C-alpha atoms as a PDB file:
ATOM      1  CA  MET A   1       9.095  -3.655  25.070  1.00  0.00           C
ATOM      2  CA  ARG A   2       5.530  -4.832  25.530  1.00  0.00           C
ATOM      3  CA  LYS A   3       2.886  -2.149  24.944  1.00  0.00           C
ATOM      4  CA  GLU A   4      -0.848  -2.166  25.374  1.00  0.00           C
ATOM      5  CA  TYR A   5      -1.233  -2.495  21.609  1.00  0.00           C
ATOM      6  CA  PRO A   6       1.214  -4.600  19.548  1.00  0.00           C
ATOM      7  CA  ILE A   7       1.292  -2.072  16.702  1.00  0.00           C
ATOM      8  CA  LEU A   8       3.117   0.320  19.069  1.00  0.00           C
ATOM      9  CA  GLU A   9       5.908  -2.147  19.905  1.00  0.00           C
ATOM     10  CA  PHE A  10       8.473  -0.716  17.511  1.00  0.00           C
ATOM     11  CA  ASP A  11      11.778  -2.605  17.515  1.00  0.00           C
ATOM     12  CA  PRO A  12      14.782  -0.457  16.464  1.00  0.00           C
ATOM     13  CA  GLU A  13      16.908  -3.540  15.715  1.00  0.00           C
ATOM     14  CA  ARG A  14      18.272  -2.997  12.192  1.00  0.00           C
ATOM     15  CA  LYS A  15      18.744  -6.638  11.288  1.00  0.00           C
ATOM     16  CA  ALA A  16      15.744  -8.930  10.872  1.00  0.00           C
ATOM     17  CA  LEU A  17      15.681 -12.705  10.693  1.00  0.00           C
ATOM     18  CA  ILE A  18      15.013 -12.539   6.950  1.00  0.00           C
ATOM     19  CA  GLU A  19      16.948  -9.785   5.218  1.00  0.00           C
ATOM     20  CA  PRO A  20      16.430  -9.155   1.474  1.00  0.00           C
ATOM     21  CA  SER A  21      20.172  -8.853   0.971  1.00  0.00           C
ATOM     22  CA  ASN A  22      20.642 -12.373   2.337  1.00  0.00           C
ATOM     23  CA  HIS A  23      18.926 -14.016  -0.617  1.00  0.00           C
ATOM     24  CA  ILE A  24      18.987 -11.367  -3.362  1.00  0.00           C
ATOM     25  CA  GLN A  25      22.213 -10.591  -5.167  1.00  0.00           C
ATOM     26  CA  PRO A  26      22.755  -7.086  -6.572  1.00  0.00           C
ATOM     27  CA  ALA A  27      21.946  -7.040 -10.294  1.00  0.00           C
ATOM     28  CA  ASP A  28      23.271  -5.121 -13.270  1.00  0.00           C
ATOM     29  CA  VAL A  29      20.808  -2.269 -12.878  1.00  0.00           C
ATOM     30  CA  GLY A  30      20.868   1.510 -12.774  1.00  0.00           C
ATOM     31  CA  GLU A  31      19.902   3.415  -9.652  1.00  0.00           C
ATOM     32  CA  HIS A  32      16.559   4.722 -10.957  1.00  0.00           C
ATOM     33  CA  CYS A  33      13.274   2.826 -10.858  1.00  0.00           C
ATOM     34  CA  VAL A  34       9.619   3.635 -11.552  1.00  0.00           C
ATOM     35  CA  ILE A  35       7.088   1.705  -9.504  1.00  0.00           C
ATOM     36  CA  CYS A  36       3.893   1.795 -11.542  1.00  0.00           C
ATOM     37  CA  PHE A  37       0.442   0.460 -10.631  1.00  0.00           C
ATOM     38  CA  PHE A  38      -0.822   0.489 -14.236  1.00  0.00           C
ATOM     39  CA  ARG A  39      -0.310  -2.960 -15.749  1.00  0.00           C
ATOM     40  CA  GLU A  40      -1.523  -1.968 -19.213  1.00  0.00           C
ATOM     41  CA  VAL A  41       0.956   0.909 -19.321  1.00  0.00           C
ATOM     42  CA  LEU A  42       3.822  -1.300 -18.193  1.00  0.00           C
ATOM     43  CA  ARG A  43       3.015  -3.844 -20.923  1.00  0.00           C
ATOM     44  CA  LYS A  44       3.081  -1.113 -23.575  1.00  0.00           C
ATOM     45  CA  VAL A  45       6.304   0.429 -22.288  1.00  0.00           C
ATOM     46  CA  ARG A  46       8.035  -2.962 -22.128  1.00  0.00           C
ATOM     47  CA  GLN A  47       7.179  -3.590 -25.775  1.00  0.00           C
ATOM     48  CA  GLU A  48       8.080  -0.124 -27.031  1.00  0.00           C
ATOM     49  CA  TYR A  49      11.422   0.018 -25.213  1.00  0.00           C
ATOM     50  CA  THR A  50      12.455  -3.630 -25.642  1.00  0.00           C
ATOM     51  CA  ALA A  51      12.659  -4.341 -21.936  1.00  0.00           C
ATOM     52  CA  ARG A  52      14.843  -7.037 -20.462  1.00  0.00           C
ATOM     53  CA  GLN A  53      13.647  -9.047 -17.475  1.00  0.00           C
ATOM     54  CA  ILE A  54      16.142  -9.108 -14.641  1.00  0.00           C
ATOM     55  CA  TYR A  55      14.276 -10.438 -11.610  1.00  0.00           C
ATOM     56  CA  GLU A  56      11.098 -12.203 -10.501  1.00  0.00           C
ATOM     57  CA  PHE A  57       9.069 -11.458  -7.383  1.00  0.00           C
ATOM     58  CA  ARG A  58       7.079 -14.420  -6.115  1.00  0.00           C
ATOM     59  CA  ALA A  59       4.100 -14.125  -3.800  1.00  0.00           C
ATOM     60  CA  GLU A  60       1.388 -16.723  -3.172  1.00  0.00           C
ATOM     61  CA  CYS A  61      -1.147 -14.489  -4.942  1.00  0.00           C
ATOM     62  CA  ASP A  62       0.900 -13.433  -7.957  1.00  0.00           C
ATOM     63  CA  ILE A  63       4.240 -13.227  -9.738  1.00  0.00           C
ATOM     64  CA  GLU A  64       5.720  -9.897 -10.743  1.00  0.00           C
ATOM     65  CA  HIS A  65       8.896  -9.083 -12.630  1.00  0.00           C
ATOM     66  CA  VAL A  66      11.498  -6.348 -12.635  1.00  0.00           C
ATOM     67  CA  TYR A  67      12.335  -5.065 -16.083  1.00  0.00           C
ATOM     68  CA  GLU A  68      15.063  -2.729 -17.229  1.00  0.00           C
ATOM     69  CA  ILE A  69      14.788  -0.364 -20.195  1.00  0.00           C
ATOM     70  CA  GLU A  70      16.860   2.420 -21.705  1.00  0.00           C
ATOM     71  CA  TYR A  71      14.901   5.630 -21.311  1.00  0.00           C
ATOM     72  CA  ASN A  72      16.282   8.960 -22.500  1.00  0.00           C
ATOM     73  CA  GLY A  73      19.721   7.416 -22.599  1.00  0.00           C
ATOM     74  CA  GLN A  74      19.654   6.060 -19.040  1.00  0.00           C
ATOM     75  CA  GLN A  75      18.846   2.761 -17.398  1.00  0.00           C
ATOM     76  CA  LEU A  76      15.422   2.674 -15.783  1.00  0.00           C
ATOM     77  CA  GLY A  77      13.802  -0.107 -13.795  1.00  0.00           C
ATOM     78  CA  LEU A  78      10.099  -0.945 -14.130  1.00  0.00           C
ATOM     79  CA  ILE A  79       8.129  -2.669 -11.383  1.00  0.00           C
ATOM     80  CA  HIS A  80       4.490  -3.330 -10.572  1.00  0.00           C
ATOM     81  CA  PRO A  81       4.144  -3.284  -6.743  1.00  0.00           C
ATOM     82  CA  MET A  82       1.036  -5.471  -6.464  1.00  0.00           C
ATOM     83  CA  VAL A  83      -1.596  -3.970  -4.137  1.00  0.00           C
ATOM     84  CA  GLY A  84      -1.592  -3.126  -0.434  1.00  0.00           C
ATOM     85  CA  ALA A  85       1.068  -1.925   1.974  1.00  0.00           C
ATOM     86  CA  PRO A  86       2.660  -5.292   2.926  1.00  0.00           C
ATOM     87  CA  LEU A  87       3.228  -6.448  -0.662  1.00  0.00           C
ATOM     88  CA  ALA A  88       4.287  -3.001  -1.855  1.00  0.00           C
ATOM     89  CA  ALA A  89       6.824  -2.752   0.962  1.00  0.00           C
ATOM     90  CA  GLY A  90       8.183  -6.194   0.132  1.00  0.00           C
ATOM     91  CA  VAL A  91       8.562  -5.322  -3.543  1.00  0.00           C
ATOM     92  CA  LEU A  92      10.389  -2.103  -2.650  1.00  0.00           C
ATOM     93  CA  GLU A  93      12.665  -3.983  -0.229  1.00  0.00           C
ATOM     94  CA  GLU A  94      13.702  -6.430  -2.938  1.00  0.00           C
ATOM     95  CA  ALA A  95      14.180  -3.657  -5.502  1.00  0.00           C
ATOM     96  CA  ILE A  96      16.544  -1.933  -3.079  1.00  0.00           C
ATOM     97  CA  ALA A  97      18.440  -5.184  -2.591  1.00  0.00           C
ATOM     98  CA  LEU A  98      18.818  -5.431  -6.391  1.00  0.00           C
ATOM     99  CA  GLY A  99      20.569  -2.062  -6.381  1.00  0.00           C
ATOM    100  CA  TYR A 100      17.965   0.638  -7.038  1.00  0.00           C
ATOM    101  CA  ARG A 101      18.271   3.798  -4.971  1.00  0.00           C
ATOM    102  CA  LYS A 102      15.945   6.405  -6.504  1.00  0.00           C
ATOM    103  CA  PHE A 103      12.240   5.733  -6.961  1.00  0.00           C
ATOM    104  CA  VAL A 104       9.119   7.458  -8.186  1.00  0.00           C
ATOM    105  CA  VAL A 105       5.790   5.700  -7.671  1.00  0.00           C
ATOM    106  CA  CYS A 106       2.825   6.481  -9.924  1.00  0.00           C
ATOM    107  CA  GLY A 107      -0.738   5.423  -9.221  1.00  0.00           C
ATOM    108  CA  GLY A 108      -4.271   6.579  -8.543  1.00  0.00           C
ATOM    109  CA  ALA A 109      -6.118   7.363  -5.322  1.00  0.00           C
ATOM    110  CA  GLY A 110      -9.546   8.156  -4.004  1.00  0.00           C
ATOM    111  CA  VAL A 111     -10.200  11.845  -3.417  1.00  0.00           C
ATOM    112  CA  LEU A 112     -11.617  13.346  -0.235  1.00  0.00           C
ATOM    113  CA  ASP A 113     -12.706  16.522  -2.015  1.00  0.00           C
ATOM    114  CA  LYS A 114     -15.026  16.309  -5.027  1.00  0.00           C
ATOM    115  CA  GLU A 115     -13.476  19.515  -6.380  1.00  0.00           C
ATOM    116  CA  VAL A 116     -10.398  17.479  -7.282  1.00  0.00           C
ATOM    117  CA  SER A 117     -11.259  16.442 -10.808  1.00  0.00           C
ATOM    118  CA  ILE A 118     -10.564  12.987 -12.150  1.00  0.00           C
ATOM    119  CA  GLY A 119      -7.035  12.871 -13.456  1.00  0.00           C
ATOM    120  CA  HIS A 120      -5.778  15.886 -11.517  1.00  0.00           C
ATOM    121  CA  LEU A 121      -2.310  15.145 -10.158  1.00  0.00           C
ATOM    122  CA  ILE A 122      -1.490  15.092  -6.466  1.00  0.00           C
ATOM    123  CA  VAL A 123       2.053  14.939  -5.077  1.00  0.00           C
ATOM    124  CA  PRO A 124       1.951  13.564  -1.512  1.00  0.00           C
ATOM    125  CA  VAL A 125       4.485  15.162   0.795  1.00  0.00           C
ATOM    126  CA  SER A 126       3.400  12.966   3.689  1.00  0.00           C
ATOM    127  CA  ALA A 127       1.063  10.089   4.522  1.00  0.00           C
ATOM    128  CA  VAL A 128      -1.111   9.565   7.579  1.00  0.00           C
ATOM    129  CA  ARG A 129      -0.154   6.138   8.913  1.00  0.00           C
ATOM    130  CA  ASP A 130      -3.508   4.386   9.182  1.00  0.00           C
ATOM    131  CA  GLU A 131      -2.033   1.053   8.045  1.00  0.00           C
ATOM    132  CA  GLY A 132       0.229  -1.435   9.777  1.00  0.00           C
ATOM    133  CA  THR A 133       3.360  -1.947   7.705  1.00  0.00           C
ATOM    134  CA  SER A 134       5.063   1.383   8.372  1.00  0.00           C
ATOM    135  CA  TYR A 135       5.056   0.731  12.137  1.00  0.00           C
ATOM    136  CA  HIS A 136       7.587  -2.064  11.634  1.00  0.00           C
ATOM    137  CA  TYR A 137      10.047   0.367  10.015  1.00  0.00           C
ATOM    138  CA  LEU A 138       9.735   3.583  12.009  1.00  0.00           C
ATOM    139  CA  PRO A 139       8.652   4.510  15.539  1.00  0.00           C
ATOM    140  CA  PRO A 140       4.948   5.336  15.912  1.00  0.00           C
ATOM    141  CA  SER A 141       3.989   8.771  14.619  1.00  0.00           C
ATOM    142  CA  ARG A 142       0.993  10.266  12.933  1.00  0.00           C
ATOM    143  CA  GLU A 143       2.677  10.860   9.573  1.00  0.00           C
ATOM    144  CA  VAL A 144       5.620   9.705   7.506  1.00  0.00           C
ATOM    145  CA  PHE A 145       7.217  11.849   4.821  1.00  0.00           C
ATOM    146  CA  ALA A 146       8.228  11.454   1.196  1.00  0.00           C
ATOM    147  CA  SER A 147      11.892  12.102   0.332  1.00  0.00           C
ATOM    148  CA  PRO A 148      12.364  15.874  -0.176  1.00  0.00           C
ATOM    149  CA  ALA A 149      14.730  15.318  -3.126  1.00  0.00           C
ATOM    150  CA  ALA A 150      12.152  13.119  -4.850  1.00  0.00           C
ATOM    151  CA  VAL A 151       9.349  15.621  -4.275  1.00  0.00           C
ATOM    152  CA  ALA A 152      11.565  18.394  -5.676  1.00  0.00           C
ATOM    153  CA  ALA A 153      12.367  16.343  -8.798  1.00  0.00           C
ATOM    154  CA  ILE A 154       8.676  15.574  -9.334  1.00  0.00           C
ATOM    155  CA  GLU A 155       7.705  19.236  -8.959  1.00  0.00           C
ATOM    156  CA  LYS A 156      10.421  20.319 -11.389  1.00  0.00           C
ATOM    157  CA  THR A 157       9.229  17.856 -14.028  1.00  0.00           C
ATOM    158  CA  LEU A 158       5.566  18.749 -13.675  1.00  0.00           C
ATOM    159  CA  GLU A 159       6.311  22.471 -13.843  1.00  0.00           C
ATOM    160  CA  GLU A 160       8.526  22.073 -16.918  1.00  0.00           C
ATOM    161  CA  HIS A 161       5.635  20.337 -18.684  1.00  0.00           C
ATOM    162  CA  GLY A 162       3.066  22.859 -17.493  1.00  0.00           C
ATOM    163  CA  VAL A 163       1.123  20.207 -15.594  1.00  0.00           C
ATOM    164  CA  GLU A 164      -1.093  21.418 -12.773  1.00  0.00           C
ATOM    165  CA  TYR A 165      -0.713  19.556  -9.494  1.00  0.00           C
ATOM    166  CA  ILE A 166      -1.454  19.821  -5.786  1.00  0.00           C
ATOM    167  CA  LYS A 167       0.956  19.051  -2.949  1.00  0.00           C
ATOM    168  CA  SER A 168      -0.879  17.441  -0.070  1.00  0.00           C
ATOM    169  CA  LYS A 169      -1.079  14.738   2.557  1.00  0.00           C
ATOM    170  CA  THR A 170      -2.495  11.351   1.681  1.00  0.00           C
ATOM    171  CA  TRP A 171      -4.294   8.940   4.004  1.00  0.00           C
ATOM    172  CA  THR A 172      -2.975   5.379   3.826  1.00  0.00           C
ATOM    173  CA  THR A 173      -5.382   2.704   5.018  1.00  0.00           C
ATOM    174  CA  ASP A 174      -5.458  -1.090   4.919  1.00  0.00           C
ATOM    175  CA  ALA A 175      -9.250  -1.330   5.039  1.00  0.00           C
ATOM    176  CA  TYR A 176     -10.923   0.164   1.990  1.00  0.00           C
ATOM    177  CA  TYR A 177     -14.286  -1.164   3.129  1.00  0.00           C
ATOM    178  CA  ARG A 178     -13.924   0.786   6.383  1.00  0.00           C
ATOM    179  CA  GLU A 179     -13.597   4.292   4.989  1.00  0.00           C
ATOM    180  CA  THR A 180     -16.462   5.549   7.140  1.00  0.00           C
ATOM    181  CA  PRO A 181     -17.944   9.070   6.848  1.00  0.00           C
ATOM    182  CA  SER A 182     -16.561  10.069  10.250  1.00  0.00           C
ATOM    183  CA  ARG A 183     -13.074   8.781   9.416  1.00  0.00           C
ATOM    184  CA  ILE A 184     -13.142  10.547   6.045  1.00  0.00           C
ATOM    185  CA  LYS A 185     -14.177  13.788   7.775  1.00  0.00           C
ATOM    186  CA  LEU A 186     -11.339  13.435  10.280  1.00  0.00           C
ATOM    187  CA  ARG A 187      -8.702  12.778   7.625  1.00  0.00           C
ATOM    188  CA  LYS A 188      -9.938  15.648   5.499  1.00  0.00           C
ATOM    189  CA  ALA A 189      -9.791  17.973   8.527  1.00  0.00           C
ATOM    190  CA  GLU A 190      -6.129  17.127   9.094  1.00  0.00           C
ATOM    191  CA  GLY A 191      -5.243  18.001   5.520  1.00  0.00           C
ATOM    192  CA  CYS A 192      -5.515  14.774   3.556  1.00  0.00           C
ATOM    193  CA  LEU A 193      -6.692  15.159  -0.028  1.00  0.00           C
ATOM    194  CA  THR A 194      -6.462  11.512  -1.075  1.00  0.00           C
ATOM    195  CA  VAL A 195      -6.805   8.015   0.312  1.00  0.00           C
ATOM    196  CA  ASP A 196      -4.529   5.180  -0.796  1.00  0.00           C
ATOM    197  CA  MET A 197      -3.224   1.830   0.441  1.00  0.00           C
ATOM    198  CA  GLU A 198       0.567   2.009   0.068  1.00  0.00           C
ATOM    199  CA  ALA A 199       2.122   5.486   0.426  1.00  0.00           C
ATOM    200  CA  ALA A 200       2.909   5.333   4.154  1.00  0.00           C
ATOM    201  CA  ALA A 201       4.630   1.980   3.701  1.00  0.00           C
ATOM    202  CA  PHE A 202       6.637   3.195   0.694  1.00  0.00           C
ATOM    203  CA  PHE A 203       7.790   6.301   2.569  1.00  0.00           C
ATOM    204  CA  ALA A 204       8.694   4.337   5.709  1.00  0.00           C
ATOM    205  CA  VAL A 205      10.715   1.676   3.882  1.00  0.00           C
ATOM    206  CA  ALA A 206      12.547   4.357   1.893  1.00  0.00           C
ATOM    207  CA  GLU A 207      13.457   6.257   5.059  1.00  0.00           C
ATOM    208  CA  PHE A 208      14.529   3.086   6.867  1.00  0.00           C
ATOM    209  CA  ARG A 209      16.729   1.914   3.993  1.00  0.00           C
ATOM    210  CA  GLY A 210      18.139   5.342   3.183  1.00  0.00           C
ATOM    211  CA  VAL A 211      16.863   5.624  -0.390  1.00  0.00           C
ATOM    212  CA  GLN A 212      14.936   8.386  -2.151  1.00  0.00           C
ATOM    213  CA  LEU A 213      11.268   7.891  -3.015  1.00  0.00           C
ATOM    214  CA  GLY A 214       8.423  10.147  -4.079  1.00  0.00           C
ATOM    215  CA  GLN A 215       4.976   9.515  -5.468  1.00  0.00           C
ATOM    216  CA  ILE A 216       2.542  10.994  -7.981  1.00  0.00           C
ATOM    217  CA  LEU A 217      -1.146  10.147  -7.692  1.00  0.00           C
ATOM    218  CA  TYR A 218      -3.997  11.047  -9.967  1.00  0.00           C
ATOM    219  CA  GLY A 219      -7.452  11.855  -8.666  1.00  0.00           C
ATOM    220  CA  GLY A 220      -9.635   8.783  -8.992  1.00  0.00           C
ATOM    221  CA  ASP A 221     -12.879   7.780  -7.345  1.00  0.00           C
ATOM    222  CA  ASP A 222     -14.694  10.261  -5.115  1.00  0.00           C
ATOM    223  CA  VAL A 223     -15.211   9.215  -1.483  1.00  0.00           C
ATOM    224  CA  SER A 224     -16.054  12.690  -0.202  1.00  0.00           C
ATOM    225  CA  GLY A 225     -19.843  12.447  -0.308  1.00  0.00           C
ATOM    226  CA  LEU A 226     -22.560  10.313   1.199  1.00  0.00           C
ATOM    227  CA  GLU A 227     -22.321   7.899  -1.727  1.00  0.00           C
ATOM    228  CA  HIS A 228     -19.255   6.503  -3.424  1.00  0.00           C
ATOM    229  CA  ASP A 229     -18.678   7.695  -7.008  1.00  0.00           C
ATOM    230  CA  SER A 230     -16.229   5.528  -8.971  1.00  0.00           C
ATOM    231  CA  ARG A 231     -16.052   8.128 -11.782  1.00  0.00           C
ATOM    232  CA  LYS A 232     -14.759   5.233 -13.933  1.00  0.00           C
ATOM    233  CA  TRP A 233     -11.321   6.309 -12.791  1.00  0.00           C
ATOM    234  CA  SER A 234      -9.373   3.201 -13.773  1.00  0.00           C
ATOM    235  CA  SER A 235     -10.411   3.472 -17.438  1.00  0.00           C
ATOM    236  CA  ARG A 236      -8.500   6.713 -18.081  1.00  0.00           C
ATOM    237  CA  LYS A 237      -5.715   5.230 -20.189  1.00  0.00           C
ATOM    238  CA  ASP A 238      -4.538   8.599 -21.486  1.00  0.00           C
ATOM    239  CA  ILE A 239      -3.936   9.922 -17.992  1.00  0.00           C
ATOM    240  CA  ARG A 240      -2.255   6.746 -16.829  1.00  0.00           C
ATOM    241  CA  GLU A 241       0.194   6.545 -19.711  1.00  0.00           C
ATOM    242  CA  ARG A 242       1.185  10.198 -19.460  1.00  0.00           C
ATOM    243  CA  LEU A 243       1.650   9.844 -15.729  1.00  0.00           C
ATOM    244  CA  PHE A 244       4.128   7.012 -16.231  1.00  0.00           C
ATOM    245  CA  HIS A 245       6.278   9.151 -18.529  1.00  0.00           C
ATOM    246  CA  LEU A 246       6.202  12.080 -16.112  1.00  0.00           C
ATOM    247  CA  ALA A 247       7.247   9.716 -13.307  1.00  0.00           C
ATOM    248  CA  ALA A 248      10.075   8.308 -15.429  1.00  0.00           C
ATOM    249  CA  GLU A 249      11.414  11.740 -16.254  1.00  0.00           C
ATOM    250  CA  ALA A 250      11.193  12.876 -12.639  1.00  0.00           C
ATOM    251  CA  CYS A 251      12.938   9.736 -11.431  1.00  0.00           C
ATOM    252  CA  LEU A 252      15.822  10.158 -13.843  1.00  0.00           C
ATOM    253  CA  GLY A 253      16.070  13.790 -12.750  1.00  0.00           C
ATOM    254  CA  MET A 254      16.999  12.834  -9.200  1.00  0.00           C
END
């Protein structure tokens, strides 16, 4: 039905013209998969665990691969999701078509509170839908939620390792050059601790397809003040590598 704004024209039709399952055959994979934004960590893990390549994602801007490793005696998929909600959603769609059903995403995010130190872990329980992709999967709403079973598995793993973390909302936006002071203030007031570009899309696709997905973010650059502070967040290799292994353990615990 036509609305004043196209983004509100949700179509509940389950079948689209192009369905992932129409051109992707299920592969010999387990049900668990870590979606990791850290390329350098993925390269190291692939080498250390003798990964096998099982699939290739092709986009005009890049090519990504799905790898499978044996981790703690179980099969575990490894995927880089590229960047931004549309590509991340597409990667997740194809991973589901391959046969994966349980996902943990690990990445970094900007913080809306400078008291959140660089590297501190945040577990999003919901995402404010300030992007476009999620509106093609679920009816319009202010938030979309992570899978409760995935959040529980993540919490269990972090607590077993004595890792401090914060459960919170995250703010998903498409326009990182439009994080204005007034918008940041609004998002912070409604409970968002981080800003990212993919969480709402991940959560919406997972809900639509009936799979489990949770996410772990680490505190990165600070966007809470009058000036942006990068805090050299992407150079923290120690944090990034440990976060992958926590995500892997949590994923296999689902």
